[in-house]
């Protein structure tokens, strides 16, 4: 495990990611194939060098892999279903955040009423 200089984030190899999320290597690779988690682009140069560079994963990708692992365990969800569930949960959080912002703006508005 390394620490990234750019974002103070950790970076993990594929094997470290597999061990950290407690799943089989093939399951983690299925997450990658479904684009649920992605390798850090900063560690892959050109198309020619991709084969020579081991993929690295950020702390965010580790968090997603662990969340996916819990969904798989708790709901016996397939990898494609996990992708959909994570998308829907992300959209739900965005909507909740939008609602909080809207409520904060609405509560600070002053409504003037003329009484004659």
PDB file of N, CA and C in Angstrom:
ATOM      1  N   UNK A   1       0.852  -1.165   0.000  1.00  0.00           N
ATOM      2  CA  UNK A   1       0.000   0.000   0.000  1.00  0.00           C
ATOM      3  C   UNK A   1       0.898   1.228   0.000  1.00  0.00           C
ATOM      4  N   UNK A   2       0.585   2.176  -0.874  1.00  0.00           N
ATOM      5  CA  UNK A   2       1.330   3.423  -0.982  1.00  0.00           C
ATOM      6  C   UNK A   2       0.408   4.579  -0.660  1.00  0.00           C
ATOM      7  N   UNK A   3       1.013   5.725  -0.404  1.00  0.00           N
ATOM      8  CA  UNK A   3       0.238   6.951  -0.250  1.00  0.00           C
ATOM      9  C   UNK A   3       0.479   7.809  -1.468  1.00  0.00           C
ATOM     10  N   UNK A   4      -0.595   8.288  -2.065  1.00  0.00           N
ATOM     11  CA  UNK A   4      -0.510   9.147  -3.232  1.00  0.00           C
ATOM     12  C   UNK A   4      -0.073  10.544  -2.800  1.00  0.00           C
ATOM     13  N   UNK A   5       0.836  11.144  -3.543  1.00  0.00           N
ATOM     14  CA  UNK A   5       1.296  12.495  -3.237  1.00  0.00           C
ATOM     15  C   UNK A   5       0.248  13.543  -3.567  1.00  0.00           C
ATOM     16  N   UNK A   6      -0.541  13.309  -4.587  1.00  0.00           N
ATOM     17  CA  UNK A   6      -1.472  14.315  -5.071  1.00  0.00           C
ATOM     18  C   UNK A   6      -2.636  14.549  -4.137  1.00  0.00           C
ATOM     19  N   UNK A   7      -3.231  13.529  -3.615  1.00  0.00           N
ATOM     20  CA  UNK A   7      -4.460  13.708  -2.856  1.00  0.00           C
ATOM     21  C   UNK A   7      -4.385  13.157  -1.431  1.00  0.00           C
ATOM     22  N   UNK A   8      -3.181  12.801  -0.975  1.00  0.00           N
ATOM     23  CA  UNK A   8      -3.026  12.189   0.341  1.00  0.00           C
ATOM     24  C   UNK A   8      -3.895  10.954   0.479  1.00  0.00           C
ATOM     25  N   UNK A   9      -4.130  10.296  -0.593  1.00  0.00           N
ATOM     26  CA  UNK A   9      -4.956   9.097  -0.619  1.00  0.00           C
ATOM     27  C   UNK A   9      -4.041   7.881  -0.711  1.00  0.00           C
ATOM     28  N   UNK A  10      -4.538   6.756  -0.263  1.00  0.00           N
ATOM     29  CA  UNK A  10      -3.780   5.530  -0.403  1.00  0.00           C
ATOM     30  C   UNK A  10      -3.941   4.994  -1.816  1.00  0.00           C
ATOM     31  N   UNK A  11      -3.006   4.217  -2.244  1.00  0.00           N
ATOM     32  CA  UNK A  11      -3.158   3.482  -3.496  1.00  0.00           C
ATOM     33  C   UNK A  11      -2.850   2.023  -3.196  1.00  0.00           C
ATOM     34  N   UNK A  12      -3.641   1.160  -3.801  1.00  0.00           N
ATOM     35  CA  UNK A  12      -3.502  -0.271  -3.570  1.00  0.00           C
ATOM     36  C   UNK A  12      -3.316  -0.999  -4.887  1.00  0.00           C
ATOM     37  N   UNK A  13      -2.592  -2.089  -4.827  1.00  0.00           N
ATOM     38  CA  UNK A  13      -2.490  -2.974  -5.983  1.00  0.00           C
ATOM     39  C   UNK A  13      -3.772  -3.798  -6.061  1.00  0.00           C
ATOM     40  N   UNK A  14      -3.939  -4.517  -7.143  1.00  0.00           N
ATOM     41  CA  UNK A  14      -5.118  -5.373  -7.289  1.00  0.00           C
ATOM     42  C   UNK A  14      -5.168  -6.411  -6.172  1.00  0.00           C
ATOM     43  N   UNK A  15      -4.027  -7.033  -5.869  1.00  0.00           N
ATOM     44  CA  UNK A  15      -3.999  -8.051  -4.808  1.00  0.00           C
ATOM     45  C   UNK A  15      -4.341  -7.459  -3.445  1.00  0.00           C
ATOM     46  N   UNK A  16      -3.853  -6.241  -3.177  1.00  0.00           N
ATOM     47  CA  UNK A  16      -4.182  -5.585  -1.913  1.00  0.00           C
ATOM     48  C   UNK A  16      -5.672  -5.252  -1.845  1.00  0.00           C
ATOM     49  N   UNK A  17      -6.236  -4.829  -2.976  1.00  0.00           N
ATOM     50  CA  UNK A  17      -7.663  -4.526  -3.028  1.00  0.00           C
ATOM     51  C   UNK A  17      -8.490  -5.778  -2.779  1.00  0.00           C
ATOM     52  N   UNK A  18      -8.093  -6.866  -3.407  1.00  0.00           N
ATOM     53  CA  UNK A  18      -8.794  -8.146  -3.220  1.00  0.00           C
ATOM     54  C   UNK A  18      -8.773  -8.544  -1.745  1.00  0.00           C
ATOM     55  N   UNK A  19      -7.609  -8.461  -1.119  1.00  0.00           N
ATOM     56  CA  UNK A  19      -7.482  -8.843   0.284  1.00  0.00           C
ATOM     57  C   UNK A  19      -8.291  -7.907   1.187  1.00  0.00           C
ATOM     58  N   UNK A  20      -8.289  -6.627   0.867  1.00  0.00           N
ATOM     59  CA  UNK A  20      -8.964  -5.642   1.715  1.00  0.00           C
ATOM     60  C   UNK A  20     -10.480  -5.760   1.676  1.00  0.00           C
ATOM     61  N   UNK A  21     -11.026  -6.207   0.551  1.00  0.00           N
ATOM     62  CA  UNK A  21     -12.488  -6.307   0.491  1.00  0.00           C
ATOM     63  C   UNK A  21     -12.987  -7.716   0.793  1.00  0.00           C
ATOM     64  N   UNK A  22     -12.074  -8.661   0.968  1.00  0.00           N
ATOM     65  CA  UNK A  22     -12.456  -9.998   1.419  1.00  0.00           C
ATOM     66  C   UNK A  22     -13.231 -10.821   0.406  1.00  0.00           C
ATOM     67  N   UNK A  23     -12.978 -10.598  -0.853  1.00  0.00           N
ATOM     68  CA  UNK A  23     -13.661 -11.355  -1.905  1.00  0.00           C
ATOM     69  C   UNK A  23     -12.633 -12.076  -2.773  1.00  0.00           C
ATOM     70  N   UNK A  24     -13.129 -12.891  -3.667  1.00  0.00           N
ATOM     71  CA  UNK A  24     -12.266 -13.589  -4.613  1.00  0.00           C
ATOM     72  C   UNK A  24     -11.747 -12.606  -5.666  1.00  0.00           C
ATOM     73  N   UNK A  25     -10.585 -12.913  -6.196  1.00  0.00           N
ATOM     74  CA  UNK A  25      -9.975 -12.069  -7.239  1.00  0.00           C
ATOM     75  C   UNK A  25     -10.909 -11.934  -8.446  1.00  0.00           C
ATOM     76  N   UNK A  26     -11.536 -13.027  -8.851  1.00  0.00           N
ATOM     77  CA  UNK A  26     -12.428 -13.002 -10.017  1.00  0.00           C
ATOM     78  C   UNK A  26     -13.625 -12.080  -9.782  1.00  0.00           C
ATOM     79  N   UNK A  27     -14.092 -12.000  -8.539  1.00  0.00           N
ATOM     80  CA  UNK A  27     -15.216 -11.122  -8.206  1.00  0.00           C
ATOM     81  C   UNK A  27     -14.800  -9.662  -8.341  1.00  0.00           C
ATOM     82  N   UNK A  28     -13.598  -9.321  -7.849  1.00  0.00           N
ATOM     83  CA  UNK A  28     -13.098  -7.946  -7.968  1.00  0.00           C
ATOM     84  C   UNK A  28     -12.882  -7.601  -9.437  1.00  0.00           C
ATOM     85  N   UNK A  29     -12.373  -8.530 -10.213  1.00  0.00           N
ATOM     86  CA  UNK A  29     -12.187  -8.297 -11.648  1.00  0.00           C
ATOM     87  C   UNK A  29     -13.533  -8.070 -12.322  1.00  0.00           C
ATOM     88  N   UNK A  30     -14.566  -8.777 -11.888  1.00  0.00           N
ATOM     89  CA  UNK A  30     -15.915  -8.554 -12.428  1.00  0.00           C
ATOM     90  C   UNK A  30     -16.387  -7.132 -12.109  1.00  0.00           C
ATOM     91  N   UNK A  31     -16.061  -6.615 -10.915  1.00  0.00           N
ATOM     92  CA  UNK A  31     -16.396  -5.224 -10.586  1.00  0.00           C
ATOM     93  C   UNK A  31     -15.706  -4.257 -11.543  1.00  0.00           C
ATOM     94  N   UNK A  32     -14.455  -4.559 -11.867  1.00  0.00           N
ATOM     95  CA  UNK A  32     -13.696  -3.714 -12.796  1.00  0.00           C
ATOM     96  C   UNK A  32     -14.315  -3.786 -14.186  1.00  0.00           C
ATOM     97  N   UNK A  33     -14.663  -4.983 -14.629  1.00  0.00           N
ATOM     98  CA  UNK A  33     -15.262  -5.156 -15.953  1.00  0.00           C
ATOM     99  C   UNK A  33     -16.603  -4.442 -16.069  1.00  0.00           C
ATOM    100  N   UNK A  34     -17.349  -4.350 -14.961  1.00  0.00           N
ATOM    101  CA  UNK A  34     -18.638  -3.645 -14.947  1.00  0.00           C
ATOM    102  C   UNK A  34     -18.471  -2.147 -14.695  1.00  0.00           C
ATOM    103  N   UNK A  35     -17.218  -1.696 -14.566  1.00  0.00           N
ATOM    104  CA  UNK A  35     -16.884  -0.289 -14.294  1.00  0.00           C
ATOM    105  C   UNK A  35     -17.455   0.200 -12.960  1.00  0.00           C
ATOM    106  N   UNK A  36     -17.615  -0.698 -12.028  1.00  0.00           N
ATOM    107  CA  UNK A  36     -18.051  -0.328 -10.689  1.00  0.00           C
ATOM    108  C   UNK A  36     -16.865   0.289  -9.954  1.00  0.00           C
ATOM    109  N   UNK A  37     -15.701  -0.302 -10.135  1.00  0.00           N
ATOM    110  CA  UNK A  37     -14.458   0.310  -9.669  1.00  0.00           C
ATOM    111  C   UNK A  37     -13.535   0.444 -10.873  1.00  0.00           C
ATOM    112  N   UNK A  38     -12.653   1.428 -10.812  1.00  0.00           N
ATOM    113  CA  UNK A  38     -11.729   1.674 -11.926  1.00  0.00           C
ATOM    114  C   UNK A  38     -10.329   1.879 -11.376  1.00  0.00           C
ATOM    115  N   UNK A  39      -9.360   1.460 -12.162  1.00  0.00           N
ATOM    116  CA  UNK A  39      -7.962   1.665 -11.782  1.00  0.00           C
ATOM    117  C   UNK A  39      -7.637   3.145 -11.891  1.00  0.00           C
ATOM    118  N   UNK A  40      -6.708   3.587 -11.071  1.00  0.00           N
ATOM    119  CA  UNK A  40      -6.266   4.978 -11.079  1.00  0.00           C
ATOM    120  C   UNK A  40      -5.562   5.258 -12.402  1.00  0.00           C
ATOM    121  N   UNK A  41      -6.098   6.195 -13.170  1.00  0.00           N
ATOM    122  CA  UNK A  41      -5.538   6.531 -14.480  1.00  0.00           C
ATOM    123  C   UNK A  41      -4.153   7.139 -14.363  1.00  0.00           C
ATOM    124  N   UNK A  42      -3.830   7.729 -13.245  1.00  0.00           N
ATOM    125  CA  UNK A  42      -2.530   8.363 -13.058  1.00  0.00           C
ATOM    126  C   UNK A  42      -1.374   7.385 -13.083  1.00  0.00           C
ATOM    127  N   UNK A  43      -1.666   6.111 -12.863  1.00  0.00           N
ATOM    128  CA  UNK A  43      -0.609   5.105 -12.854  1.00  0.00           C
ATOM    129  C   UNK A  43      -0.490   4.372 -14.185  1.00  0.00           C
ATOM    130  N   UNK A  44      -1.283   4.745 -15.161  1.00  0.00           N
ATOM    131  CA  UNK A  44      -1.210   4.113 -16.464  1.00  0.00           C
ATOM    132  C   UNK A  44      -0.903   5.188 -17.495  1.00  0.00           C
ATOM    133  N   UNK A  45       0.187   5.023 -18.208  1.00  0.00           N
ATOM    134  CA  UNK A  45       0.629   6.035 -19.156  1.00  0.00           C
ATOM    135  C   UNK A  45      -0.090   5.896 -20.487  1.00  0.00           C
ATOM    136  N   UNK A  46       0.592   5.374 -21.468  1.00  0.00           N
ATOM    137  CA  UNK A  46       0.017   5.221 -22.795  1.00  0.00           C
ATOM    138  C   UNK A  46      -0.498   3.808 -22.978  1.00  0.00           C
ATOM    139  N   UNK A  47      -1.190   3.591 -24.065  1.00  0.00           N
ATOM    140  CA  UNK A  47      -1.728   2.264 -24.355  1.00  0.00           C
ATOM    141  C   UNK A  47      -0.611   1.228 -24.415  1.00  0.00           C
ATOM    142  N   UNK A  48       0.563   1.610 -24.894  1.00  0.00           N
ATOM    143  CA  UNK A  48       1.680   0.672 -24.993  1.00  0.00           C
ATOM    144  C   UNK A  48       2.180   0.261 -23.614  1.00  0.00           C
ATOM    145  N   UNK A  49       2.126   1.180 -22.664  1.00  0.00           N
ATOM    146  CA  UNK A  49       2.671   0.904 -21.346  1.00  0.00           C
ATOM    147  C   UNK A  49       1.670   0.264 -20.391  1.00  0.00           C
ATOM    148  N   UNK A  50       0.406   0.219 -20.755  1.00  0.00           N
ATOM    149  CA  UNK A  50      -0.610  -0.321 -19.862  1.00  0.00           C
ATOM    150  C   UNK A  50      -0.295  -1.764 -19.480  1.00  0.00           C
ATOM    151  N   UNK A  51       0.172  -2.544 -20.415  1.00  0.00           N
ATOM    152  CA  UNK A  51       0.473  -3.944 -20.126  1.00  0.00           C
ATOM    153  C   UNK A  51       1.621  -4.072 -19.136  1.00  0.00           C
ATOM    154  N   UNK A  52       2.511  -3.087 -19.102  1.00  0.00           N
ATOM    155  CA  UNK A  52       3.668  -3.152 -18.227  1.00  0.00           C
ATOM    156  C   UNK A  52       3.435  -2.496 -16.867  1.00  0.00           C
ATOM    157  N   UNK A  53       2.314  -1.814 -16.699  1.00  0.00           N
ATOM    158  CA  UNK A  53       2.039  -1.097 -15.464  1.00  0.00           C
ATOM    159  C   UNK A  53       0.946  -1.821 -14.690  1.00  0.00           C
ATOM    160  N   UNK A  54       1.237  -2.136 -13.448  1.00  0.00           N
ATOM    161  CA  UNK A  54       0.229  -2.792 -12.616  1.00  0.00           C
ATOM    162  C   UNK A  54      -0.839  -1.770 -12.242  1.00  0.00           C
ATOM    163  N   UNK A  55      -2.108  -2.141 -12.325  1.00  0.00           N
ATOM    164  CA  UNK A  55      -3.152  -1.185 -11.955  1.00  0.00           C
ATOM    165  C   UNK A  55      -3.089  -0.843 -10.478  1.00  0.00           C
ATOM    166  N   UNK A  56      -3.409   0.389 -10.152  1.00  0.00           N
ATOM    167  CA  UNK A  56      -3.454   0.865  -8.780  1.00  0.00           C
ATOM    168  C   UNK A  56      -4.861   1.381  -8.511  1.00  0.00           C
ATOM    169  N   UNK A  57      -5.294   1.277  -7.277  1.00  0.00           N
ATOM    170  CA  UNK A  57      -6.652   1.668  -6.913  1.00  0.00           C
ATOM    171  C   UNK A  57      -6.590   2.615  -5.722  1.00  0.00           C
ATOM    172  N   UNK A  58      -7.464   3.619  -5.751  1.00  0.00           N
ATOM    173  CA  UNK A  58      -7.489   4.639  -4.699  1.00  0.00           C
ATOM    174  C   UNK A  58      -8.328   4.168  -3.509  1.00  0.00           C
ATOM    175  N   UNK A  59      -8.280   4.965  -2.460  1.00  0.00           N
ATOM    176  CA  UNK A  59      -9.111   4.698  -1.290  1.00  0.00           C
ATOM    177  C   UNK A  59     -10.583   4.729  -1.627  1.00  0.00           C
ATOM    178  N   UNK A  60     -10.970   5.608  -2.559  1.00  0.00           N
ATOM    179  CA  UNK A  60     -12.364   5.658  -3.001  1.00  0.00           C
ATOM    180  C   UNK A  60     -12.772   4.334  -3.637  1.00  0.00           C
ATOM    181  N   UNK A  61     -11.901   3.776  -4.460  1.00  0.00           N
ATOM    182  CA  UNK A  61     -12.209   2.496  -5.101  1.00  0.00           C
ATOM    183  C   UNK A  61     -12.302   1.379  -4.063  1.00  0.00           C
ATOM    184  N   UNK A  62     -11.457   1.454  -3.035  1.00  0.00           N
ATOM    185  CA  UNK A  62     -11.540   0.488  -1.932  1.00  0.00           C
ATOM    186  C   UNK A  62     -12.879   0.610  -1.223  1.00  0.00           C
ATOM    187  N   UNK A  63     -13.318   1.834  -0.973  1.00  0.00           N
ATOM    188  CA  UNK A  63     -14.614   2.060  -0.323  1.00  0.00           C
ATOM    189  C   UNK A  63     -15.743   1.477  -1.169  1.00  0.00           C
ATOM    190  N   UNK A  64     -15.699   1.711  -2.480  1.00  0.00           N
ATOM    191  CA  UNK A  64     -16.723   1.159  -3.375  1.00  0.00           C
ATOM    192  C   UNK A  64     -16.686  -0.364  -3.387  1.00  0.00           C
ATOM    193  N   UNK A  65     -15.496  -0.937  -3.410  1.00  0.00           N
ATOM    194  CA  UNK A  65     -15.374  -2.401  -3.421  1.00  0.00           C
ATOM    195  C   UNK A  65     -15.924  -2.996  -2.130  1.00  0.00           C
ATOM    196  N   UNK A  66     -15.634  -2.358  -1.003  1.00  0.00           N
ATOM    197  CA  UNK A  66     -16.161  -2.862   0.276  1.00  0.00           C
ATOM    198  C   UNK A  66     -17.674  -2.717   0.343  1.00  0.00           C
ATOM    199  N   UNK A  67     -18.179  -1.611  -0.167  1.00  0.00           N
ATOM    200  CA  UNK A  67     -19.640  -1.413  -0.195  1.00  0.00           C
ATOM    201  C   UNK A  67     -20.290  -2.469  -1.088  1.00  0.00           C
ATOM    202  N   UNK A  68     -19.668  -2.719  -2.238  1.00  0.00           N
ATOM    203  CA  UNK A  68     -20.165  -3.750  -3.151  1.00  0.00           C
ATOM    204  C   UNK A  68     -20.123  -5.123  -2.485  1.00  0.00           C
ATOM    205  N   UNK A  69     -19.072  -5.379  -1.720  1.00  0.00           N
ATOM    206  CA  UNK A  69     -18.944  -6.656  -1.016  1.00  0.00           C
ATOM    207  C   UNK A  69     -20.077  -6.836  -0.007  1.00  0.00           C
ATOM    208  N   UNK A  70     -20.412  -5.763   0.714  1.00  0.00           N
ATOM    209  CA  UNK A  70     -21.525  -5.850   1.682  1.00  0.00           C
ATOM    210  C   UNK A  70     -22.848  -6.103   0.965  1.00  0.00           C
ATOM    211  N   UNK A  71     -23.061  -5.438  -0.173  1.00  0.00           N
ATOM    212  CA  UNK A  71     -24.294  -5.661  -0.937  1.00  0.00           C
ATOM    213  C   UNK A  71     -24.371  -7.106  -1.420  1.00  0.00           C
ATOM    214  N   UNK A  72     -23.248  -7.621  -1.878  1.00  0.00           N
ATOM    215  CA  UNK A  72     -23.202  -9.006  -2.343  1.00  0.00           C
ATOM    216  C   UNK A  72     -23.521  -9.961  -1.201  1.00  0.00           C
ATOM    217  N   UNK A  73     -22.918  -9.713  -0.053  1.00  0.00           N
ATOM    218  CA  UNK A  73     -23.120 -10.580   1.115  1.00  0.00           C
ATOM    219  C   UNK A  73     -24.538 -10.459   1.671  1.00  0.00           C
ATOM    220  N   UNK A  74     -25.003  -9.216   1.880  1.00  0.00           N
ATOM    221  CA  UNK A  74     -26.284  -9.003   2.556  1.00  0.00           C
ATOM    222  C   UNK A  74     -27.490  -9.345   1.688  1.00  0.00           C
ATOM    223  N   UNK A  75     -27.378  -9.093   0.383  1.00  0.00           N
ATOM    224  CA  UNK A  75     -28.532  -9.279  -0.499  1.00  0.00           C
ATOM    225  C   UNK A  75     -28.316 -10.339  -1.557  1.00  0.00           C
ATOM    226  N   UNK A  76     -27.154 -10.996  -1.528  1.00  0.00           N
ATOM    227  CA  UNK A  76     -26.813 -11.999  -2.531  1.00  0.00           C
ATOM    228  C   UNK A  76     -26.986 -11.425  -3.939  1.00  0.00           C
ATOM    229  N   UNK A  77     -26.543 -10.164  -4.102  1.00  0.00           N
ATOM    230  CA  UNK A  77     -26.709  -9.458  -5.369  1.00  0.00           C
ATOM    231  C   UNK A  77     -25.600  -9.835  -6.345  1.00  0.00           C
ATOM    232  N   UNK A  78     -25.950  -9.942  -7.607  1.00  0.00           N
ATOM    233  CA  UNK A  78     -24.964 -10.190  -8.651  1.00  0.00           C
ATOM    234  C   UNK A  78     -24.168  -8.915  -8.899  1.00  0.00           C
ATOM    235  N   UNK A  79     -23.058  -9.027  -9.583  1.00  0.00           N
ATOM    236  CA  UNK A  79     -22.223  -7.851  -9.864  1.00  0.00           C
ATOM    237  C   UNK A  79     -22.988  -6.804 -10.670  1.00  0.00           C
ATOM    238  N   UNK A  80     -23.718  -7.167 -11.742  1.00  0.00           N
ATOM    239  CA  UNK A  80     -24.491  -6.134 -12.440  1.00  0.00           C
ATOM    240  C   UNK A  80     -25.543  -5.472 -11.552  1.00  0.00           C
ATOM    241  N   UNK A  81     -26.180  -6.256 -10.681  1.00  0.00           N
ATOM    242  CA  UNK A  81     -27.168  -5.687  -9.758  1.00  0.00           C
ATOM    243  C   UNK A  81     -26.501  -4.737  -8.770  1.00  0.00           C
ATOM    244  N   UNK A  82     -25.307  -5.081  -8.323  1.00  0.00           N
ATOM    245  CA  UNK A  82     -24.557  -4.209  -7.417  1.00  0.00           C
ATOM    246  C   UNK A  82     -24.285  -2.875  -8.087  1.00  0.00           C
ATOM    247  N   UNK A  83     -23.904  -2.909  -9.359  1.00  0.00           N
ATOM    248  CA  UNK A  83     -23.664  -1.666 -10.094  1.00  0.00           C
ATOM    249  C   UNK A  83     -24.898  -0.788 -10.120  1.00  0.00           C
ATOM    250  N   UNK A  84     -26.035  -1.371 -10.390  1.00  0.00           N
ATOM    251  CA  UNK A  84     -27.291  -0.625 -10.427  1.00  0.00           C
ATOM    252  C   UNK A  84     -27.650  -0.085  -9.040  1.00  0.00           C
ATOM    253  N   UNK A  85     -27.508  -0.906  -8.017  1.00  0.00           N
ATOM    254  CA  UNK A  85     -27.818  -0.478  -6.649  1.00  0.00           C
ATOM    255  C   UNK A  85     -26.935   0.701  -6.254  1.00  0.00           C
ATOM    256  N   UNK A  86     -25.647   0.618  -6.552  1.00  0.00           N
ATOM    257  CA  UNK A  86     -24.734   1.708  -6.198  1.00  0.00           C
ATOM    258  C   UNK A  86     -25.081   2.997  -6.940  1.00  0.00           C
ATOM    259  N   UNK A  87     -25.465   2.871  -8.207  1.00  0.00           N
ATOM    260  CA  UNK A  87     -25.895   4.055  -8.970  1.00  0.00           C
ATOM    261  C   UNK A  87     -27.126   4.690  -8.331  1.00  0.00           C
ATOM    262  N   UNK A  88     -28.097   3.864  -7.971  1.00  0.00           N
ATOM    263  CA  UNK A  88     -29.323   4.380  -7.368  1.00  0.00           C
ATOM    264  C   UNK A  88     -29.061   5.007  -5.997  1.00  0.00           C
ATOM    265  N   UNK A  89     -28.191   4.398  -5.209  1.00  0.00           N
ATOM    266  CA  UNK A  89     -27.842   4.971  -3.915  1.00  0.00           C
ATOM    267  C   UNK A  89     -27.130   6.315  -4.083  1.00  0.00           C
ATOM    268  N   UNK A  90     -26.278   6.410  -5.097  1.00  0.00           N
ATOM    269  CA  UNK A  90     -25.579   7.665  -5.378  1.00  0.00           C
ATOM    270  C   UNK A  90     -26.573   8.753  -5.793  1.00  0.00           C
ATOM    271  N   UNK A  91     -27.513   8.398  -6.662  1.00  0.00           N
ATOM    272  CA  UNK A  91     -28.545   9.356  -7.078  1.00  0.00           C
ATOM    273  C   UNK A  91     -29.398   9.796  -5.893  1.00  0.00           C
ATOM    274  N   UNK A  92     -29.735   8.864  -5.013  1.00  0.00           N
ATOM    275  CA  UNK A  92     -30.521   9.190  -3.826  1.00  0.00           C
ATOM    276  C   UNK A  92     -29.771  10.191  -2.945  1.00  0.00           C
ATOM    277  N   UNK A  93     -28.485   9.980  -2.746  1.00  0.00           N
ATOM    278  CA  UNK A  93     -27.687  10.901  -1.934  1.00  0.00           C
ATOM    279  C   UNK A  93     -27.609  12.280  -2.586  1.00  0.00           C
ATOM    280  N   UNK A  94     -27.490  12.333  -3.904  1.00  0.00           N
ATOM    281  CA  UNK A  94     -27.475  13.620  -4.610  1.00  0.00           C
ATOM    282  C   UNK A  94     -28.798  14.350  -4.432  1.00  0.00           C
ATOM    283  N   UNK A  95     -29.898  13.624  -4.516  1.00  0.00           N
ATOM    284  CA  UNK A  95     -31.217  14.234  -4.321  1.00  0.00           C
ATOM    285  C   UNK A  95     -31.385  14.744  -2.892  1.00  0.00           C
ATOM    286  N   UNK A  96     -30.910  13.975  -1.924  1.00  0.00           N
ATOM    287  CA  UNK A  96     -30.989  14.417  -0.529  1.00  0.00           C
ATOM    288  C   UNK A  96     -30.154  15.683  -0.311  1.00  0.00           C
ATOM    289  N   UNK A  97     -28.991  15.726  -0.926  1.00  0.00           N
ATOM    290  CA  UNK A  97     -28.142  16.908  -0.805  1.00  0.00           C
ATOM    291  C   UNK A  97     -28.807  18.121  -1.458  1.00  0.00           C
ATOM    292  N   UNK A  98     -29.391  17.918  -2.629  1.00  0.00           N
ATOM    293  CA  UNK A  98     -30.114  18.996  -3.304  1.00  0.00           C
ATOM    294  C   UNK A  98     -31.261  19.498  -2.431  1.00  0.00           C
ATOM    295  N   UNK A  99     -31.986  18.577  -1.818  1.00  0.00           N
ATOM    296  CA  UNK A  99     -33.106  18.941  -0.949  1.00  0.00           C
ATOM    297  C   UNK A  99     -32.632  19.763   0.240  1.00  0.00           C
ATOM    298  N   UNK A 100     -31.521  19.344   0.865  1.00  0.00           N
ATOM    299  CA  UNK A 100     -30.975  20.101   1.998  1.00  0.00           C
ATOM    300  C   UNK A 100     -30.574  21.507   1.575  1.00  0.00           C
ATOM    301  N   UNK A 101     -29.947  21.630   0.417  1.00  0.00           N
ATOM    302  CA  UNK A 101     -29.541  22.952  -0.085  1.00  0.00           C
ATOM    303  C   UNK A 101     -30.763  23.806  -0.378  1.00  0.00           C
ATOM    304  N   UNK A 102     -31.764  23.219  -0.988  1.00  0.00           N
ATOM    305  CA  UNK A 102     -32.980  23.958  -1.328  1.00  0.00           C
ATOM    306  C   UNK A 102     -33.689  24.419  -0.057  1.00  0.00           C
ATOM    307  N   UNK A 103     -33.771  23.549   0.943  1.00  0.00           N
ATOM    308  CA  UNK A 103     -34.409  23.919   2.205  1.00  0.00           C
ATOM    309  C   UNK A 103     -33.636  25.021   2.915  1.00  0.00           C
ATOM    310  N   UNK A 104     -32.303  24.971   2.844  1.00  0.00           N
ATOM    311  CA  UNK A 104     -31.484  26.007   3.475  1.00  0.00           C
ATOM    312  C   UNK A 104     -31.708  27.353   2.792  1.00  0.00           C
ATOM    313  N   UNK A 105     -31.821  27.349   1.475  1.00  0.00           N
ATOM    314  CA  UNK A 105     -32.072  28.589   0.732  1.00  0.00           C
ATOM    315  C   UNK A 105     -33.485  29.089   0.990  1.00  0.00           C
ATOM    316  N   UNK A 106     -34.425  28.193   1.070  1.00  0.00           N
ATOM    317  CA  UNK A 106     -35.822  28.578   1.290  1.00  0.00           C
ATOM    318  C   UNK A 106     -36.024  29.165   2.676  1.00  0.00           C
ATOM    319  N   UNK A 107     -35.323  28.667   3.657  1.00  0.00           N
ATOM    320  CA  UNK A 107     -35.522  29.156   5.027  1.00  0.00           C
ATOM    321  C   UNK A 107     -34.888  30.520   5.249  1.00  0.00           C
ATOM    322  N   UNK A 108     -33.968  30.914   4.385  1.00  0.00           N
ATOM    323  CA  UNK A 108     -33.328  32.218   4.559  1.00  0.00           C
ATOM    324  C   UNK A 108     -34.013  33.313   3.754  1.00  0.00           C
ATOM    325  N   UNK A 109     -34.978  32.966   2.956  1.00  0.00           N
ATOM    326  CA  UNK A 109     -35.702  33.963   2.177  1.00  0.00           C
ATOM    327  C   UNK A 109     -36.673  34.721   3.079  1.00  0.00           C
ATOM    328  N   UNK A 110     -36.770  35.987   2.819  1.00  0.00           N
ATOM    329  CA  UNK A 110     -37.705  36.817   3.566  1.00  0.00           C
ATOM    330  C   UNK A 110     -38.864  37.153   2.649  1.00  0.00           C
ATOM    331  N   UNK A 111     -40.039  36.876   3.121  1.00  0.00           N
ATOM    332  CA  UNK A 111     -41.236  37.171   2.339  1.00  0.00           C
ATOM    333  C   UNK A 111     -41.869  38.430   2.930  1.00  0.00           C
ATOM    334  N   UNK A 112     -41.990  39.438   2.107  1.00  0.00           N
ATOM    335  CA  UNK A 112     -42.607  40.696   2.558  1.00  0.00           C
ATOM    336  C   UNK A 112     -44.058  40.727   2.136  1.00  0.00           C
ATOM    337  N   UNK A 113     -44.894  41.109   3.062  1.00  0.00           N
ATOM    338  CA  UNK A 113     -46.321  41.215   2.775  1.00  0.00           C
ATOM    339  C   UNK A 113     -46.749  42.622   3.108  1.00  0.00           C
ATOM    340  N   UNK A 114     -47.382  43.273   2.140  1.00  0.00           N
ATOM    341  CA  UNK A 114     -47.903  44.622   2.363  1.00  0.00           C
ATOM    342  C   UNK A 114     -49.312  44.517   2.936  1.00  0.00           C
ATOM    343  N   UNK A 115     -49.503  45.147   4.098  1.00  0.00           N
ATOM    344  CA  UNK A 115     -50.825  45.167   4.701  1.00  0.00           C
ATOM    345  C   UNK A 115     -51.308  46.606   4.664  1.00  0.00           C
ATOM    346  N   UNK A 116     -52.330  46.838   3.954  1.00  0.00           N
ATOM    347  CA  UNK A 116     -52.885  48.198   3.845  1.00  0.00           C
ATOM    348  C   UNK A 116     -54.192  48.326   4.539  1.00  0.00           C
TER     349      UNK A 116
END
